[in-house]
Amino acid sequence: MILRIAADGVVLLHLGFILFVLFGALLVWRWPRLAWVHLPAVAWGAAVELLHLYCPLTPLENLLRQAAGQQGYSGGFVEQYLIPLIYPAGLTAQTQLWLGALVLLVNLPIYLGLLLRQRRV
């Protein structure tokens, strides 16, 4: 039971990280020092999607699920949990490129605004 809860915790951590990558720049707007954490997260999130890298949280979740006697899954977090909600047909390389571009497009305007705001001060 504890291993299953730990696997579910990894899922929540993974989702939280994705949300932080996508929308963390809004937090940086309020707390600019948070950029030191957010920018590396954005770089990692974009790299995972654009370069088709494998996030280490996925194997950790699978390991915990298998140790709990559950079935692991192939593919990544996005394919397992998010794509079925957004793109039922499945994840393609083209979709991953769009997701990586989305990460950059959501964050770039906010950081540009932050830089302009800092210059005025």
C-alpha atoms as a PDB file:
ATOM      1  CA  MET A   1       0.000   0.000   0.000  1.00  0.00           C
ATOM      2  CA  ILE A   2       2.813   2.415   0.859  1.00  0.00           C
ATOM      3  CA  LEU A   3       4.531   1.757  -2.481  1.00  0.00           C
ATOM      4  CA  ARG A   4       1.305   2.451  -4.377  1.00  0.00           C
ATOM      5  CA  ILE A   5       0.857   5.722  -2.480  1.00  0.00           C
ATOM      6  CA  ALA A   6       4.485   6.598  -3.260  1.00  0.00           C
ATOM      7  CA  ALA A   7       3.869   5.902  -6.977  1.00  0.00           C
ATOM      8  CA  ASP A   8       0.782   8.118  -6.877  1.00  0.00           C
ATOM      9  CA  GLY A   9       2.887  10.767  -5.147  1.00  0.00           C
ATOM     10  CA  VAL A  10       5.381  10.614  -8.004  1.00  0.00           C
ATOM     11  CA  VAL A  11       2.486  11.184 -10.419  1.00  0.00           C
ATOM     12  CA  LEU A  12       1.410  14.262  -8.452  1.00  0.00           C
ATOM     13  CA  LEU A  13       5.001  15.520  -8.305  1.00  0.00           C
ATOM     14  CA  HIS A  14       5.316  14.983 -12.048  1.00  0.00           C
ATOM     15  CA  LEU A  15       2.106  16.857 -12.753  1.00  0.00           C
ATOM     16  CA  GLY A  16       3.147  19.649 -10.403  1.00  0.00           C
ATOM     17  CA  PHE A  17       6.476  19.945 -12.199  1.00  0.00           C
ATOM     18  CA  ILE A  18       4.743  20.158 -15.579  1.00  0.00           C
ATOM     19  CA  LEU A  19       2.408  22.870 -14.291  1.00  0.00           C
ATOM     20  CA  PHE A  20       5.380  24.733 -12.798  1.00  0.00           C
ATOM     21  CA  VAL A  21       7.212  24.547 -16.133  1.00  0.00           C
ATOM     22  CA  LEU A  22       4.191  25.867 -18.002  1.00  0.00           C
ATOM     23  CA  PHE A  23       2.937  28.504 -15.592  1.00  0.00           C
ATOM     24  CA  GLY A  24       5.802  29.143 -13.175  1.00  0.00           C
ATOM     25  CA  ALA A  25       6.746  32.343 -14.967  1.00  0.00           C
ATOM     26  CA  LEU A  26       3.607  33.835 -13.452  1.00  0.00           C
ATOM     27  CA  LEU A  27       5.100  33.097 -10.028  1.00  0.00           C
ATOM     28  CA  VAL A  28       8.400  34.607 -11.168  1.00  0.00           C
ATOM     29  CA  TRP A  29       6.519  37.765 -12.089  1.00  0.00           C
ATOM     30  CA  ARG A  30       5.567  38.066  -8.418  1.00  0.00           C
ATOM     31  CA  TRP A  31       8.797  36.631  -6.936  1.00  0.00           C
ATOM     32  CA  PRO A  32      11.634  37.306  -9.419  1.00  0.00           C
ATOM     33  CA  ARG A  33      14.216  35.262  -7.488  1.00  0.00           C
ATOM     34  CA  LEU A  34      12.195  32.158  -8.273  1.00  0.00           C
ATOM     35  CA  ALA A  35      13.583  32.458 -11.819  1.00  0.00           C
ATOM     36  CA  TRP A  36      16.696  30.608 -10.588  1.00  0.00           C
ATOM     37  CA  VAL A  37      14.496  27.540 -10.108  1.00  0.00           C
ATOM     38  CA  HIS A  38      12.032  28.094 -12.924  1.00  0.00           C
ATOM     39  CA  LEU A  39      14.436  28.698 -15.822  1.00  0.00           C
ATOM     40  CA  PRO A  40      16.245  25.350 -15.374  1.00  0.00           C
ATOM     41  CA  ALA A  41      12.840  23.663 -15.072  1.00  0.00           C
ATOM     42  CA  VAL A  42      11.721  25.276 -18.346  1.00  0.00           C
ATOM     43  CA  ALA A  43      14.967  24.231 -20.024  1.00  0.00           C
ATOM     44  CA  TRP A  44      14.487  20.644 -18.850  1.00  0.00           C
ATOM     45  CA  GLY A  45      10.794  20.558 -19.788  1.00  0.00           C
ATOM     46  CA  ALA A  46      11.444  21.933 -23.252  1.00  0.00           C
ATOM     47  CA  ALA A  47      14.441  19.616 -23.781  1.00  0.00           C
ATOM     48  CA  VAL A  48      12.446  16.524 -22.778  1.00  0.00           C
ATOM     49  CA  GLU A  49       9.782  17.349 -25.355  1.00  0.00           C
ATOM     50  CA  LEU A  50      11.928  18.771 -28.145  1.00  0.00           C
ATOM     51  CA  LEU A  51      14.692  16.149 -27.904  1.00  0.00           C
ATOM     52  CA  HIS A  52      12.386  13.229 -26.994  1.00  0.00           C
ATOM     53  CA  LEU A  53      14.256  12.573 -23.744  1.00  0.00           C
ATOM     54  CA  TYR A  54      12.955  10.289 -21.019  1.00  0.00           C
ATOM     55  CA  CYS A  55      12.063  11.928 -17.715  1.00  0.00           C
ATOM     56  CA  PRO A  56      13.526  10.058 -14.710  1.00  0.00           C
ATOM     57  CA  LEU A  57      10.249  10.321 -12.788  1.00  0.00           C
ATOM     58  CA  THR A  58       8.554   7.851 -15.162  1.00  0.00           C
ATOM     59  CA  PRO A  59      10.896   4.913 -14.416  1.00  0.00           C
ATOM     60  CA  LEU A  60      10.662   5.770 -10.696  1.00  0.00           C
ATOM     61  CA  GLU A  61       6.876   5.587 -10.821  1.00  0.00           C
ATOM     62  CA  ASN A  62       6.998   2.307 -12.774  1.00  0.00           C
ATOM     63  CA  LEU A  63       9.478   0.834 -10.295  1.00  0.00           C
ATOM     64  CA  LEU A  64       7.242   1.749  -7.366  1.00  0.00           C
ATOM     65  CA  ARG A  65       4.146   0.387  -9.108  1.00  0.00           C
ATOM     66  CA  GLN A  66       5.840  -2.907  -9.923  1.00  0.00           C
ATOM     67  CA  ALA A  67       7.153  -3.195  -6.363  1.00  0.00           C
ATOM     68  CA  ALA A  68       3.554  -2.675  -5.192  1.00  0.00           C
ATOM     69  CA  GLY A  69       2.412  -5.535  -7.436  1.00  0.00           C
ATOM     70  CA  GLN A  70       0.848  -3.271 -10.042  1.00  0.00           C
ATOM     71  CA  GLN A  71       1.449  -3.119 -13.760  1.00  0.00           C
ATOM     72  CA  GLY A  72       3.998  -0.579 -14.965  1.00  0.00           C
ATOM     73  CA  TYR A  73       3.579   1.081 -18.335  1.00  0.00           C
ATOM     74  CA  SER A  74       5.705   1.830 -21.342  1.00  0.00           C
ATOM     75  CA  GLY A  75       6.178   5.329 -22.659  1.00  0.00           C
ATOM     76  CA  GLY A  76       6.279   8.421 -20.524  1.00  0.00           C
ATOM     77  CA  PHE A  77       4.126  10.373 -18.113  1.00  0.00           C
ATOM     78  CA  VAL A  78       2.668  12.534 -20.858  1.00  0.00           C
ATOM     79  CA  GLU A  79       1.701   9.495 -22.938  1.00  0.00           C
ATOM     80  CA  GLN A  80       0.235   7.654 -19.936  1.00  0.00           C
ATOM     81  CA  TYR A  81      -1.744  10.395 -18.206  1.00  0.00           C
ATOM     82  CA  LEU A  82      -2.038  13.581 -20.249  1.00  0.00           C
ATOM     83  CA  ILE A  83      -2.215  12.532 -23.888  1.00  0.00           C
ATOM     84  CA  PRO A  84      -5.220  10.243 -23.353  1.00  0.00           C
ATOM     85  CA  LEU A  85      -7.044  13.283 -21.977  1.00  0.00           C
ATOM     86  CA  ILE A  86      -5.933  15.717 -24.657  1.00  0.00           C
ATOM     87  CA  TYR A  87      -5.051  13.588 -27.695  1.00  0.00           C
ATOM     88  CA  PRO A  88      -6.793  10.208 -27.515  1.00  0.00           C
ATOM     89  CA  ALA A  89      -5.105   9.024 -30.718  1.00  0.00           C
ATOM     90  CA  GLY A  90      -1.681   8.957 -29.008  1.00  0.00           C
ATOM     91  CA  LEU A  91       1.542  10.879 -28.837  1.00  0.00           C
ATOM     92  CA  THR A  92       3.506  11.578 -31.990  1.00  0.00           C
ATOM     93  CA  ALA A  93       6.860  13.245 -32.508  1.00  0.00           C
ATOM     94  CA  GLN A  94       5.011  16.180 -34.063  1.00  0.00           C
ATOM     95  CA  THR A  95       2.848  16.538 -30.941  1.00  0.00           C
ATOM     96  CA  GLN A  96       5.924  16.514 -28.732  1.00  0.00           C
ATOM     97  CA  LEU A  97       7.444  19.319 -30.787  1.00  0.00           C
ATOM     98  CA  TRP A  98       4.265  21.330 -30.333  1.00  0.00           C
ATOM     99  CA  LEU A  99       4.293  20.687 -26.583  1.00  0.00           C
ATOM    100  CA  GLY A 100       7.931  21.803 -26.332  1.00  0.00           C
ATOM    101  CA  ALA A 101       7.156  24.930 -28.341  1.00  0.00           C
ATOM    102  CA  LEU A 102       4.159  25.592 -26.088  1.00  0.00           C
ATOM    103  CA  VAL A 103       6.440  25.571 -23.031  1.00  0.00           C
ATOM    104  CA  LEU A 104       8.598  28.218 -24.639  1.00  0.00           C
ATOM    105  CA  LEU A 105       5.714  30.286 -26.020  1.00  0.00           C
ATOM    106  CA  VAL A 106       3.929  30.441 -22.664  1.00  0.00           C
ATOM    107  CA  ASN A 107       7.018  31.488 -20.736  1.00  0.00           C
ATOM    108  CA  LEU A 108       8.905  33.742 -23.150  1.00  0.00           C
ATOM    109  CA  PRO A 109       6.440  36.675 -23.128  1.00  0.00           C
ATOM    110  CA  ILE A 110       6.269  36.641 -19.341  1.00  0.00           C
ATOM    111  CA  TYR A 111      10.052  36.701 -19.000  1.00  0.00           C
ATOM    112  CA  LEU A 112      10.341  39.449 -21.602  1.00  0.00           C
ATOM    113  CA  GLY A 113       7.808  41.481 -19.620  1.00  0.00           C
ATOM    114  CA  LEU A 114       9.769  40.815 -16.454  1.00  0.00           C
ATOM    115  CA  LEU A 115      12.990  42.008 -18.089  1.00  0.00           C
ATOM    116  CA  LEU A 116      11.265  45.172 -19.304  1.00  0.00           C
ATOM    117  CA  ARG A 117       9.870  45.756 -15.817  1.00  0.00           C
ATOM    118  CA  GLN A 118      13.348  45.325 -14.274  1.00  0.00           C
ATOM    119  CA  ARG A 119      14.853  47.835 -16.707  1.00  0.00           C
ATOM    120  CA  ARG A 120      12.318  50.481 -15.690  1.00  0.00           C
ATOM    121  CA  VAL A 121      13.162  50.126 -12.001  1.00  0.00           C
END
